Amino acid sequence: MRSETERTTACHDCDLLLQLPASAGDRACIHCPRCGALLHEQSDQALHAGTALALAGMLTFVIANSYPVLVLEIAGNRNAATLWQTALALQRQGMAEVALLVLFTGIVMPALELASMLYLLLPLQLGRAPPGFPVVMRLRQLARPWCMVEVFLLGVLVSLVKLVHLASVRPGIGLWAFFGLIVLMAACASRFRPVQLWERYQACRIME
């Protein structure tokens, strides 16, 4: 029979079922004995780091969507467009489906993932349980696979290679910001600890 002081969990990398103590005591981290994946982190460093990375990611996201991605000069004519302006141009050219795909994967879903992480992390760091915590956790899980900023940047790089012989093409501030956004979102995902957040959420509810 399983002890009341233990809880069952599955490794998120190799699916090994493990019995973990309900309280890790002085153990800062618990790793999977089969694959070495981090299963539990006792300290609040991951929470603090995740919050800082999410805030930096949101700021970078705003910069990336406020400044031009590319600056194109042809025969003295200079054109510069942000990502949402590019989507509008695609819609005006009769490619509404492509425009919606760009907006959905490059703007809406990354914004939703970053906003959901901030909604979860900031109150918990302040010792408060955010309303609708389970719903927002599921929403973040749904948004994560649809964030395809890196795919968009790959398309931009391919366009740069094809246009470099036809016009003067210079990367804008938005393009560099998108590169930074990719790094920050990957770092956010690596520091996001659902188990730790659920434990903190339950503790905050008890204190309230």
N, C-alpha and C. Protein backbone atom coordinates (compact mmCIF):
# COMPACT_ATOMS: atom_id res chain seq x y z
N MET A 1 0.85 -1.20 0.00
CA MET A 1 0.00 0.00 0.00
C MET A 1 0.89 1.25 0.00
N ARG A 2 0.47 2.26 -0.78
CA ARG A 2 1.26 3.48 -0.88
C ARG A 2 1.13 4.28 0.39
N SER A 3 2.24 4.76 0.88
CA SER A 3 2.24 5.57 2.10
C SER A 3 1.61 6.93 1.83
N GLU A 4 0.95 7.49 2.89
CA GLU A 4 0.33 8.80 2.76
C GLU A 4 1.36 9.90 2.60
N THR A 5 2.62 9.58 2.96
CA THR A 5 3.67 10.58 2.84
C THR A 5 4.34 10.53 1.46
N GLU A 6 3.80 9.73 0.56
CA GLU A 6 4.36 9.62 -0.77
C GLU A 6 3.30 9.96 -1.81
N ARG A 7 3.75 10.36 -2.97
CA ARG A 7 2.85 10.63 -4.08
C ARG A 7 3.42 10.04 -5.35
N THR A 8 2.52 9.62 -6.23
CA THR A 8 2.93 8.99 -7.47
C THR A 8 3.04 10.03 -8.56
N THR A 9 4.11 9.94 -9.34
CA THR A 9 4.29 10.83 -10.48
C THR A 9 4.94 10.06 -11.61
N ALA A 10 4.82 10.58 -12.81
CA ALA A 10 5.44 9.97 -13.98
C ALA A 10 6.48 10.92 -14.54
N CYS A 11 7.63 10.39 -14.90
CA CYS A 11 8.68 11.21 -15.49
C CYS A 11 8.18 11.77 -16.82
N HIS A 12 8.35 13.06 -17.02
CA HIS A 12 7.86 13.69 -18.24
C HIS A 12 8.71 13.36 -19.47
N ASP A 13 9.88 12.73 -19.26
CA ASP A 13 10.75 12.37 -20.39
C ASP A 13 10.64 10.89 -20.77
N CYS A 14 10.67 10.00 -19.75
CA CYS A 14 10.68 8.56 -20.06
C CYS A 14 9.45 7.83 -19.53
N ASP A 15 8.50 8.55 -18.89
CA ASP A 15 7.24 7.98 -18.40
C ASP A 15 7.41 6.94 -17.30
N LEU A 16 8.53 6.95 -16.62
CA LEU A 16 8.73 6.03 -15.50
C LEU A 16 7.87 6.47 -14.32
N LEU A 17 7.08 5.53 -13.76
CA LEU A 17 6.26 5.83 -12.59
C LEU A 17 7.12 5.75 -11.33
N LEU A 18 7.01 6.78 -10.50
CA LEU A 18 7.86 6.87 -9.32
C LEU A 18 7.02 7.26 -8.11
N GLN A 19 7.48 6.85 -6.95
CA GLN A 19 6.90 7.26 -5.69
C GLN A 19 7.80 8.33 -5.09
N LEU A 20 7.28 9.55 -5.03
CA LEU A 20 8.05 10.66 -4.47
C LEU A 20 7.50 11.02 -3.10
N PRO A 21 8.36 11.43 -2.19
CA PRO A 21 7.88 11.86 -0.87
C PRO A 21 7.05 13.12 -1.01
N ALA A 22 6.00 13.23 -0.19
CA ALA A 22 5.15 14.42 -0.24
C ALA A 22 5.93 15.66 0.13
N SER A 23 6.92 15.51 0.99
CA SER A 23 7.80 16.62 1.35
C SER A 23 9.23 16.19 1.07
N ALA A 24 9.92 17.01 0.25
CA ALA A 24 11.28 16.63 -0.14
C ALA A 24 12.31 16.94 0.93
N GLY A 25 11.89 17.61 2.00
CA GLY A 25 12.83 17.89 3.07
C GLY A 25 13.94 18.82 2.60
N ASP A 26 15.17 18.40 2.87
CA ASP A 26 16.33 19.22 2.52
C ASP A 26 16.80 18.97 1.09
N ARG A 27 16.16 18.08 0.37
CA ARG A 27 16.60 17.78 -0.99
C ARG A 27 16.11 18.89 -1.92
N ALA A 28 17.05 19.58 -2.52
CA ALA A 28 16.68 20.70 -3.39
C ALA A 28 16.07 20.19 -4.68
N CYS A 29 16.58 19.08 -5.21
CA CYS A 29 16.12 18.56 -6.51
C CYS A 29 15.96 17.04 -6.43
N ILE A 30 15.00 16.53 -7.18
CA ILE A 30 14.80 15.10 -7.32
C ILE A 30 14.83 14.78 -8.82
N HIS A 31 15.69 13.85 -9.20
CA HIS A 31 15.86 13.49 -10.60
C HIS A 31 15.36 12.07 -10.85
N CYS A 32 14.94 11.82 -12.07
CA CYS A 32 14.51 10.48 -12.47
C CYS A 32 15.70 9.53 -12.43
N PRO A 33 15.58 8.38 -11.78
CA PRO A 33 16.73 7.46 -11.70
C PRO A 33 17.06 6.79 -13.03
N ARG A 34 16.11 6.82 -13.99
CA ARG A 34 16.37 6.16 -15.27
C ARG A 34 16.98 7.10 -16.31
N CYS A 35 16.41 8.30 -16.46
CA CYS A 35 16.90 9.19 -17.52
C CYS A 35 17.55 10.46 -16.98
N GLY A 36 17.43 10.70 -15.67
CA GLY A 36 18.06 11.86 -15.08
C GLY A 36 17.29 13.16 -15.19
N ALA A 37 16.04 13.13 -15.70
CA ALA A 37 15.25 14.36 -15.85
C ALA A 37 14.90 14.93 -14.48
N LEU A 38 14.83 16.25 -14.41
CA LEU A 38 14.47 16.91 -13.16
C LEU A 38 12.97 16.76 -12.91
N LEU A 39 12.61 16.13 -11.79
CA LEU A 39 11.20 15.88 -11.46
C LEU A 39 10.66 16.86 -10.43
N HIS A 40 11.49 17.33 -9.56
CA HIS A 40 11.03 18.22 -8.49
C HIS A 40 12.16 19.14 -8.09
N GLU A 41 11.82 20.41 -7.87
CA GLU A 41 12.80 21.40 -7.41
C GLU A 41 12.23 22.10 -6.20
N GLN A 42 12.90 21.96 -5.08
CA GLN A 42 12.38 22.46 -3.82
C GLN A 42 12.52 23.98 -3.69
N SER A 43 13.57 24.55 -4.26
CA SER A 43 13.81 25.98 -4.11
C SER A 43 12.87 26.79 -5.00
N ASP A 44 12.82 28.09 -4.73
CA ASP A 44 11.98 29.00 -5.51
C ASP A 44 12.76 29.63 -6.67
N GLN A 45 13.96 29.16 -6.94
CA GLN A 45 14.76 29.77 -7.99
C GLN A 45 14.11 29.61 -9.35
N ALA A 46 13.51 28.45 -9.61
CA ALA A 46 12.85 28.24 -10.89
C ALA A 46 11.68 29.19 -11.07
N LEU A 47 10.93 29.44 -9.98
CA LEU A 47 9.80 30.36 -10.05
C LEU A 47 10.26 31.78 -10.32
N HIS A 48 11.30 32.22 -9.62
CA HIS A 48 11.82 33.57 -9.84
C HIS A 48 12.40 33.71 -11.25
N ALA A 49 13.17 32.72 -11.67
CA ALA A 49 13.77 32.78 -13.00
C ALA A 49 12.71 32.75 -14.09
N GLY A 50 11.68 31.91 -13.90
CA GLY A 50 10.61 31.83 -14.89
C GLY A 50 9.85 33.14 -15.01
N THR A 51 9.60 33.80 -13.88
CA THR A 51 8.91 35.09 -13.91
C THR A 51 9.74 36.15 -14.62
N ALA A 52 11.03 36.20 -14.32
CA ALA A 52 11.91 37.18 -14.96
C ALA A 52 12.00 36.93 -16.47
N LEU A 53 12.10 35.68 -16.86
CA LEU A 53 12.19 35.34 -18.28
C LEU A 53 10.89 35.66 -19.01
N ALA A 54 9.75 35.40 -18.35
CA ALA A 54 8.46 35.71 -18.97
C ALA A 54 8.28 37.21 -19.16
N LEU A 55 8.70 38.00 -18.17
CA LEU A 55 8.62 39.46 -18.30
C LEU A 55 9.52 39.96 -19.42
N ALA A 56 10.73 39.41 -19.48
CA ALA A 56 11.64 39.80 -20.56
C ALA A 56 11.09 39.37 -21.92
N GLY A 57 10.47 38.19 -21.96
CA GLY A 57 9.87 37.72 -23.21
C GLY A 57 8.73 38.60 -23.67
N MET A 58 7.89 39.05 -22.73
CA MET A 58 6.77 39.93 -23.10
C MET A 58 7.28 41.27 -23.61
N LEU A 59 8.31 41.82 -22.97
CA LEU A 59 8.89 43.08 -23.44
C LEU A 59 9.49 42.91 -24.84
N THR A 60 10.19 41.81 -25.05
CA THR A 60 10.78 41.55 -26.37
C THR A 60 9.70 41.34 -27.42
N PHE A 61 8.61 40.69 -27.03
CA PHE A 61 7.49 40.48 -27.95
C PHE A 61 6.90 41.81 -28.40
N VAL A 62 6.74 42.75 -27.47
CA VAL A 62 6.21 44.08 -27.82
C VAL A 62 7.15 44.79 -28.78
N ILE A 63 8.45 44.72 -28.51
CA ILE A 63 9.43 45.35 -29.40
C ILE A 63 9.40 44.71 -30.79
N ALA A 64 9.33 43.37 -30.83
CA ALA A 64 9.34 42.65 -32.10
C ALA A 64 8.15 43.01 -32.97
N ASN A 65 7.02 43.32 -32.35
CA ASN A 65 5.82 43.64 -33.13
C ASN A 65 5.60 45.14 -33.30
N SER A 66 6.51 45.94 -32.76
CA SER A 66 6.40 47.39 -32.90
C SER A 66 7.36 47.96 -33.94
N TYR A 67 8.40 47.22 -34.27
CA TYR A 67 9.41 47.71 -35.20
C TYR A 67 9.43 46.83 -36.45
N PRO A 68 9.91 47.38 -37.59
CA PRO A 68 9.93 46.62 -38.85
C PRO A 68 10.80 45.38 -38.75
N VAL A 69 10.36 44.34 -39.43
CA VAL A 69 11.14 43.10 -39.49
C VAL A 69 12.21 43.22 -40.56
N LEU A 70 11.85 43.75 -41.71
CA LEU A 70 12.77 43.95 -42.82
C LEU A 70 12.62 45.36 -43.39
N VAL A 71 13.71 45.90 -43.89
CA VAL A 71 13.70 47.18 -44.61
C VAL A 71 14.16 46.90 -46.03
N LEU A 72 13.28 47.13 -46.99
CA LEU A 72 13.53 46.78 -48.39
C LEU A 72 13.61 48.05 -49.23
N GLU A 73 14.70 48.20 -50.00
CA GLU A 73 14.88 49.36 -50.87
C GLU A 73 15.05 48.89 -52.32
N ILE A 74 14.15 49.34 -53.19
CA ILE A 74 14.19 49.00 -54.62
C ILE A 74 14.01 50.28 -55.42
N ALA A 75 14.99 50.60 -56.25
CA ALA A 75 14.94 51.78 -57.13
C ALA A 75 14.61 53.05 -56.35
N GLY A 76 15.21 53.19 -55.20
CA GLY A 76 15.00 54.39 -54.41
C GLY A 76 13.77 54.36 -53.53
N ASN A 77 12.92 53.35 -53.68
CA ASN A 77 11.72 53.22 -52.86
C ASN A 77 12.03 52.37 -51.63
N ARG A 78 11.69 52.88 -50.49
CA ARG A 78 11.99 52.20 -49.22
C ARG A 78 10.70 51.71 -48.59
N ASN A 79 10.67 50.42 -48.27
CA ASN A 79 9.51 49.81 -47.63
C ASN A 79 9.94 49.09 -46.36
N ALA A 80 9.18 49.29 -45.33
CA ALA A 80 9.43 48.61 -44.06
C ALA A 80 8.09 48.23 -43.45
N ALA A 81 8.01 47.02 -42.91
CA ALA A 81 6.73 46.55 -42.37
C ALA A 81 6.97 45.70 -41.14
N THR A 82 6.05 45.84 -40.19
CA THR A 82 6.05 44.96 -39.02
C THR A 82 5.35 43.66 -39.39
N LEU A 83 5.31 42.73 -38.45
CA LEU A 83 4.71 41.44 -38.73
C LEU A 83 3.21 41.57 -39.00
N TRP A 84 2.51 42.36 -38.19
CA TRP A 84 1.06 42.49 -38.41
C TRP A 84 0.76 43.25 -39.69
N GLN A 85 1.64 44.18 -40.08
CA GLN A 85 1.46 44.87 -41.36
C GLN A 85 1.68 43.91 -42.52
N THR A 86 2.60 42.97 -42.34
CA THR A 86 2.81 41.95 -43.36
C THR A 86 1.56 41.08 -43.53
N ALA A 87 0.94 40.73 -42.40
CA ALA A 87 -0.29 39.94 -42.47
C ALA A 87 -1.40 40.71 -43.17
N LEU A 88 -1.51 42.02 -42.91
CA LEU A 88 -2.51 42.83 -43.60
C LEU A 88 -2.24 42.89 -45.10
N ALA A 89 -0.97 42.99 -45.48
CA ALA A 89 -0.62 43.02 -46.90
C ALA A 89 -0.99 41.70 -47.57
N LEU A 90 -0.76 40.62 -46.89
CA LEU A 90 -1.15 39.31 -47.44
C LEU A 90 -2.66 39.23 -47.62
N GLN A 91 -3.40 39.77 -46.67
CA GLN A 91 -4.86 39.75 -46.78
C GLN A 91 -5.34 40.59 -47.97
N ARG A 92 -4.70 41.75 -48.20
CA ARG A 92 -5.08 42.61 -49.33
C ARG A 92 -4.75 41.98 -50.67
N GLN A 93 -3.77 41.08 -50.70
CA GLN A 93 -3.38 40.40 -51.93
C GLN A 93 -4.17 39.12 -52.17
N GLY A 94 -5.21 38.92 -51.38
CA GLY A 94 -6.07 37.76 -51.59
C GLY A 94 -5.60 36.49 -50.92
N MET A 95 -4.63 36.58 -50.02
CA MET A 95 -4.13 35.39 -49.32
C MET A 95 -4.55 35.46 -47.86
N ALA A 96 -5.87 35.46 -47.65
CA ALA A 96 -6.41 35.61 -46.30
C ALA A 96 -6.01 34.45 -45.40
N GLU A 97 -5.97 33.22 -45.95
CA GLU A 97 -5.61 32.06 -45.13
C GLU A 97 -4.18 32.17 -44.61
N VAL A 98 -3.27 32.60 -45.50
CA VAL A 98 -1.87 32.75 -45.08
C VAL A 98 -1.75 33.87 -44.05
N ALA A 99 -2.50 34.96 -44.26
CA ALA A 99 -2.47 36.07 -43.31
C ALA A 99 -2.94 35.64 -41.93
N LEU A 100 -4.02 34.85 -41.89
CA LEU A 100 -4.53 34.36 -40.60
C LEU A 100 -3.52 33.42 -39.94
N LEU A 101 -2.85 32.61 -40.74
CA LEU A 101 -1.85 31.69 -40.20
C LEU A 101 -0.69 32.46 -39.59
N VAL A 102 -0.24 33.52 -40.27
CA VAL A 102 0.85 34.35 -39.74
C VAL A 102 0.43 35.01 -38.44
N LEU A 103 -0.77 35.59 -38.41
CA LEU A 103 -1.25 36.23 -37.18
C LEU A 103 -1.40 35.23 -36.04
N PHE A 104 -1.94 34.05 -36.36
CA PHE A 104 -2.25 33.06 -35.33
C PHE A 104 -0.97 32.49 -34.71
N THR A 105 -0.02 32.07 -35.55
CA THR A 105 1.18 31.40 -35.06
C THR A 105 2.29 32.37 -34.66
N GLY A 106 2.29 33.58 -35.23
CA GLY A 106 3.38 34.50 -34.96
C GLY A 106 3.06 35.58 -33.95
N ILE A 107 1.77 35.84 -33.72
CA ILE A 107 1.39 36.92 -32.81
C ILE A 107 0.45 36.42 -31.71
N VAL A 108 -0.68 35.84 -32.10
CA VAL A 108 -1.72 35.49 -31.11
C VAL A 108 -1.23 34.43 -30.13
N MET A 109 -0.71 33.32 -30.64
CA MET A 109 -0.31 32.23 -29.76
C MET A 109 0.90 32.56 -28.89
N PRO A 110 1.96 33.20 -29.43
CA PRO A 110 3.05 33.61 -28.52
C PRO A 110 2.58 34.58 -27.45
N ALA A 111 1.70 35.53 -27.82
CA ALA A 111 1.18 36.47 -26.81
C ALA A 111 0.37 35.73 -25.76
N LEU A 112 -0.42 34.75 -26.18
CA LEU A 112 -1.24 33.99 -25.24
C LEU A 112 -0.37 33.17 -24.30
N GLU A 113 0.68 32.56 -24.81
CA GLU A 113 1.55 31.76 -23.95
C GLU A 113 2.26 32.65 -22.92
N LEU A 114 2.83 33.77 -23.38
CA LEU A 114 3.54 34.65 -22.46
C LEU A 114 2.59 35.24 -21.42
N ALA A 115 1.40 35.68 -21.87
CA ALA A 115 0.44 36.27 -20.94
C ALA A 115 -0.04 35.25 -19.91
N SER A 116 -0.26 34.01 -20.34
CA SER A 116 -0.71 32.98 -19.40
C SER A 116 0.36 32.65 -18.37
N MET A 117 1.63 32.62 -18.81
CA MET A 117 2.70 32.35 -17.85
C MET A 117 2.83 33.47 -16.83
N LEU A 118 2.72 34.71 -17.29
CA LEU A 118 2.78 35.83 -16.35
C LEU A 118 1.59 35.81 -15.39
N TYR A 119 0.42 35.46 -15.90
CA TYR A 119 -0.77 35.39 -15.06
C TYR A 119 -0.61 34.33 -13.96
N LEU A 120 0.08 33.24 -14.29
CA LEU A 120 0.29 32.18 -13.32
C LEU A 120 1.42 32.49 -12.35
N LEU A 121 2.52 33.03 -12.87
CA LEU A 121 3.74 33.17 -12.07
C LEU A 121 3.72 34.36 -11.14
N LEU A 122 3.27 35.51 -11.62
CA LEU A 122 3.34 36.72 -10.80
C LEU A 122 2.54 36.61 -9.49
N PRO A 123 1.26 36.20 -9.51
CA PRO A 123 0.53 36.08 -8.24
C PRO A 123 1.13 35.04 -7.30
N LEU A 124 1.58 33.90 -7.85
CA LEU A 124 2.16 32.87 -7.00
C LEU A 124 3.43 33.36 -6.33
N GLN A 125 4.21 34.16 -7.04
CA GLN A 125 5.43 34.69 -6.43
C GLN A 125 5.10 35.66 -5.30
N LEU A 126 3.94 36.29 -5.39
CA LEU A 126 3.49 37.21 -4.34
C LEU A 126 2.69 36.50 -3.25
N GLY A 127 2.57 35.18 -3.35
CA GLY A 127 1.85 34.42 -2.34
C GLY A 127 0.36 34.41 -2.51
N ARG A 128 -0.14 34.64 -3.74
CA ARG A 128 -1.57 34.65 -3.98
C ARG A 128 -1.93 33.60 -5.03
N ALA A 129 -3.11 33.02 -4.88
CA ALA A 129 -3.59 32.02 -5.83
C ALA A 129 -4.37 32.74 -6.94
N PRO A 130 -3.89 32.69 -8.19
CA PRO A 130 -4.61 33.38 -9.27
C PRO A 130 -5.94 32.70 -9.57
N PRO A 131 -7.03 33.47 -9.75
CA PRO A 131 -8.32 32.88 -10.11
C PRO A 131 -8.23 32.14 -11.45
N GLY A 132 -8.94 31.01 -11.54
CA GLY A 132 -8.95 30.24 -12.78
C GLY A 132 -7.63 29.58 -13.09
N PHE A 133 -6.86 29.26 -12.06
CA PHE A 133 -5.53 28.66 -12.26
C PHE A 133 -5.57 27.41 -13.12
N PRO A 134 -6.45 26.42 -12.86
CA PRO A 134 -6.46 25.20 -13.70
C PRO A 134 -6.75 25.50 -15.17
N VAL A 135 -7.68 26.43 -15.42
CA VAL A 135 -8.04 26.76 -16.81
C VAL A 135 -6.87 27.39 -17.54
N VAL A 136 -6.17 28.31 -16.88
CA VAL A 136 -5.05 29.00 -17.51
C VAL A 136 -3.89 28.02 -17.74
N MET A 137 -3.70 27.07 -16.83
CA MET A 137 -2.66 26.07 -17.03
C MET A 137 -2.94 25.25 -18.29
N ARG A 138 -4.20 24.85 -18.48
CA ARG A 138 -4.55 24.10 -19.69
C ARG A 138 -4.42 24.98 -20.93
N LEU A 139 -4.79 26.24 -20.81
CA LEU A 139 -4.69 27.16 -21.93
C LEU A 139 -3.24 27.33 -22.37
N ARG A 140 -2.34 27.41 -21.40
CA ARG A 140 -0.92 27.53 -21.74
C ARG A 140 -0.43 26.27 -22.44
N GLN A 141 -0.89 25.11 -21.99
CA GLN A 141 -0.51 23.86 -22.65
C GLN A 141 -1.02 23.79 -24.08
N LEU A 142 -2.22 24.32 -24.31
CA LEU A 142 -2.77 24.32 -25.67
C LEU A 142 -2.05 25.31 -26.58
N ALA A 143 -1.62 26.43 -26.02
CA ALA A 143 -0.98 27.47 -26.84
C ALA A 143 0.44 27.10 -27.22
N ARG A 144 1.13 26.36 -26.37
CA ARG A 144 2.55 26.08 -26.58
C ARG A 144 2.86 25.47 -27.94
N PRO A 145 2.18 24.42 -28.40
CA PRO A 145 2.55 23.82 -29.70
C PRO A 145 2.30 24.72 -30.90
N TRP A 146 1.46 25.75 -30.75
CA TRP A 146 1.11 26.62 -31.87
C TRP A 146 1.99 27.86 -31.96
N CYS A 147 2.95 28.02 -31.07
CA CYS A 147 3.87 29.15 -31.15
C CYS A 147 4.99 28.80 -32.13
N MET A 148 4.94 29.38 -33.30
CA MET A 148 5.87 29.01 -34.38
C MET A 148 6.65 30.22 -34.87
N VAL A 149 7.19 30.99 -33.95
CA VAL A 149 7.97 32.16 -34.33
C VAL A 149 9.20 31.75 -35.11
N GLU A 150 9.80 30.62 -34.73
CA GLU A 150 11.00 30.16 -35.42
C GLU A 150 10.72 29.79 -36.87
N VAL A 151 9.51 29.27 -37.15
CA VAL A 151 9.15 28.95 -38.53
C VAL A 151 9.02 30.23 -39.34
N PHE A 152 8.43 31.25 -38.74
CA PHE A 152 8.31 32.55 -39.41
C PHE A 152 9.69 33.10 -39.74
N LEU A 153 10.63 33.04 -38.78
CA LEU A 153 11.96 33.57 -39.02
C LEU A 153 12.69 32.78 -40.10
N LEU A 154 12.45 31.48 -40.16
CA LEU A 154 13.05 30.68 -41.23
C LEU A 154 12.56 31.15 -42.59
N GLY A 155 11.26 31.47 -42.68
CA GLY A 155 10.73 32.01 -43.94
C GLY A 155 11.34 33.35 -44.28
N VAL A 156 11.57 34.18 -43.27
CA VAL A 156 12.20 35.48 -43.50
C VAL A 156 13.63 35.32 -44.02
N LEU A 157 14.37 34.38 -43.44
CA LEU A 157 15.74 34.16 -43.89
C LEU A 157 15.79 33.64 -45.32
N VAL A 158 14.85 32.77 -45.69
CA VAL A 158 14.77 32.29 -47.07
C VAL A 158 14.48 33.45 -48.01
N SER A 159 13.58 34.33 -47.61
CA SER A 159 13.26 35.51 -48.43
C SER A 159 14.46 36.42 -48.57
N LEU A 160 15.25 36.57 -47.51
CA LEU A 160 16.45 37.40 -47.58
C LEU A 160 17.42 36.87 -48.63
N VAL A 161 17.61 35.57 -48.64
CA VAL A 161 18.53 34.97 -49.61
C VAL A 161 18.05 35.20 -51.03
N LYS A 162 16.74 35.12 -51.26
CA LYS A 162 16.21 35.27 -52.61
C LYS A 162 16.17 36.73 -53.08
N LEU A 163 16.03 37.67 -52.13
CA LEU A 163 15.89 39.07 -52.50
C LEU A 163 17.21 39.84 -52.51
N VAL A 164 18.25 39.26 -51.97
CA VAL A 164 19.50 40.00 -51.81
C VAL A 164 20.09 40.43 -53.15
N HIS A 165 19.81 39.68 -54.25
CA HIS A 165 20.34 40.04 -55.56
C HIS A 165 19.41 40.99 -56.31
N LEU A 166 18.23 41.21 -55.79
CA LEU A 166 17.25 42.07 -56.48
C LEU A 166 17.08 43.42 -55.83
N ALA A 167 17.38 43.53 -54.57
CA ALA A 167 17.16 44.78 -53.86
C ALA A 167 18.08 44.86 -52.65
N SER A 168 18.09 46.03 -52.07
CA SER A 168 18.86 46.22 -50.84
C SER A 168 17.97 45.84 -49.66
N VAL A 169 18.35 44.80 -48.98
CA VAL A 169 17.55 44.27 -47.88
C VAL A 169 18.35 44.37 -46.59
N ARG A 170 17.76 45.00 -45.59
CA ARG A 170 18.40 45.12 -44.29
C ARG A 170 17.46 44.62 -43.20
N PRO A 171 17.99 43.83 -42.28
CA PRO A 171 17.14 43.37 -41.16
C PRO A 171 16.78 44.53 -40.25
N GLY A 172 15.52 44.56 -39.83
CA GLY A 172 15.07 45.61 -38.93
C GLY A 172 15.20 45.21 -37.47
N ILE A 173 14.86 46.15 -36.61
CA ILE A 173 14.92 45.88 -35.17
C ILE A 173 13.99 44.73 -34.79
N GLY A 174 12.85 44.67 -35.47
CA GLY A 174 11.89 43.61 -35.18
C GLY A 174 12.45 42.22 -35.40
N LEU A 175 13.29 42.07 -36.44
CA LEU A 175 13.86 40.75 -36.73
C LEU A 175 14.78 40.31 -35.61
N TRP A 176 15.65 41.23 -35.16
CA TRP A 176 16.55 40.88 -34.05
C TRP A 176 15.76 40.60 -32.78
N ALA A 177 14.68 41.35 -32.59
CA ALA A 177 13.84 41.11 -31.40
C ALA A 177 13.19 39.73 -31.46
N PHE A 178 12.79 39.30 -32.67
CA PHE A 178 12.20 37.96 -32.80
C PHE A 178 13.22 36.87 -32.49
N PHE A 179 14.47 37.09 -32.89
CA PHE A 179 15.51 36.12 -32.53
C PHE A 179 15.65 36.03 -31.01
N GLY A 180 15.66 37.19 -30.35
CA GLY A 180 15.72 37.18 -28.89
C GLY A 180 14.49 36.53 -28.27
N LEU A 181 13.33 36.74 -28.89
CA LEU A 181 12.10 36.15 -28.38
C LEU A 181 12.14 34.63 -28.41
N ILE A 182 12.71 34.08 -29.47
CA ILE A 182 12.83 32.61 -29.57
C ILE A 182 13.65 32.07 -28.40
N VAL A 183 14.79 32.73 -28.12
CA VAL A 183 15.65 32.28 -27.03
C VAL A 183 14.94 32.40 -25.69
N LEU A 184 14.25 33.53 -25.47
CA LEU A 184 13.58 33.74 -24.19
C LEU A 184 12.42 32.77 -23.98
N MET A 185 11.66 32.49 -25.04
CA MET A 185 10.54 31.56 -24.89
C MET A 185 11.04 30.14 -24.64
N ALA A 186 12.16 29.77 -25.27
CA ALA A 186 12.73 28.45 -24.99
C ALA A 186 13.22 28.37 -23.55
N ALA A 187 13.82 29.46 -23.06
CA ALA A 187 14.28 29.48 -21.67
C ALA A 187 13.10 29.45 -20.71
N CYS A 188 12.01 30.16 -21.05
CA CYS A 188 10.80 30.12 -20.21
C CYS A 188 10.25 28.70 -20.11
N ALA A 189 10.19 28.02 -21.24
CA ALA A 189 9.67 26.65 -21.25
C ALA A 189 10.53 25.72 -20.42
N SER A 190 11.86 25.93 -20.45
CA SER A 190 12.75 25.05 -19.69
C SER A 190 12.66 25.29 -18.19
N ARG A 191 12.24 26.51 -17.76
CA ARG A 191 12.13 26.82 -16.35
C ARG A 191 10.70 26.70 -15.83
N PHE A 192 9.77 26.33 -16.70
CA PHE A 192 8.37 26.20 -16.29
C PHE A 192 8.18 24.85 -15.61
N ARG A 193 7.78 24.87 -14.34
CA ARG A 193 7.63 23.65 -13.53
C ARG A 193 6.16 23.50 -13.13
N PRO A 194 5.35 22.79 -13.91
CA PRO A 194 3.93 22.64 -13.57
C PRO A 194 3.68 22.05 -12.19
N VAL A 195 4.46 21.02 -11.82
CA VAL A 195 4.26 20.38 -10.51
C VAL A 195 4.51 21.38 -9.39
N GLN A 196 5.58 22.15 -9.49
CA GLN A 196 5.89 23.14 -8.47
C GLN A 196 4.82 24.23 -8.40
N LEU A 197 4.29 24.63 -9.56
CA LEU A 197 3.24 25.65 -9.57
C LEU A 197 1.96 25.14 -8.92
N TRP A 198 1.61 23.87 -9.19
CA TRP A 198 0.43 23.31 -8.55
C TRP A 198 0.60 23.25 -7.04
N GLU A 199 1.79 22.87 -6.59
CA GLU A 199 2.04 22.82 -5.15
C GLU A 199 1.95 24.21 -4.52
N ARG A 200 2.52 25.21 -5.21
CA ARG A 200 2.46 26.56 -4.69
C ARG A 200 1.01 27.07 -4.70
N TYR A 201 0.26 26.72 -5.73
CA TYR A 201 -1.15 27.13 -5.82
C TYR A 201 -1.96 26.56 -4.66
N GLN A 202 -1.76 25.27 -4.37
CA GLN A 202 -2.47 24.65 -3.25
C GLN A 202 -2.08 25.30 -1.93
N ALA A 203 -0.80 25.60 -1.76
CA ALA A 203 -0.35 26.22 -0.52
C ALA A 203 -0.95 27.62 -0.36
N CYS A 204 -1.02 28.37 -1.47
CA CYS A 204 -1.61 29.72 -1.42
C CYS A 204 -3.10 29.66 -1.09
N ARG A 205 -3.79 28.67 -1.62
CA ARG A 205 -5.23 28.52 -1.34
C ARG A 205 -5.45 28.21 0.14
N ILE A 206 -4.59 27.38 0.71
CA ILE A 206 -4.71 27.04 2.14
C ILE A 206 -4.50 28.28 3.01
N MET A 207 -3.50 29.09 2.63
CA MET A 207 -3.21 30.30 3.42
C MET A 207 -4.30 31.34 3.31
N GLU A 208 -4.99 31.36 2.16
CA GLU A 208 -6.07 32.33 1.99
C GLU A 208 -7.31 31.91 2.79
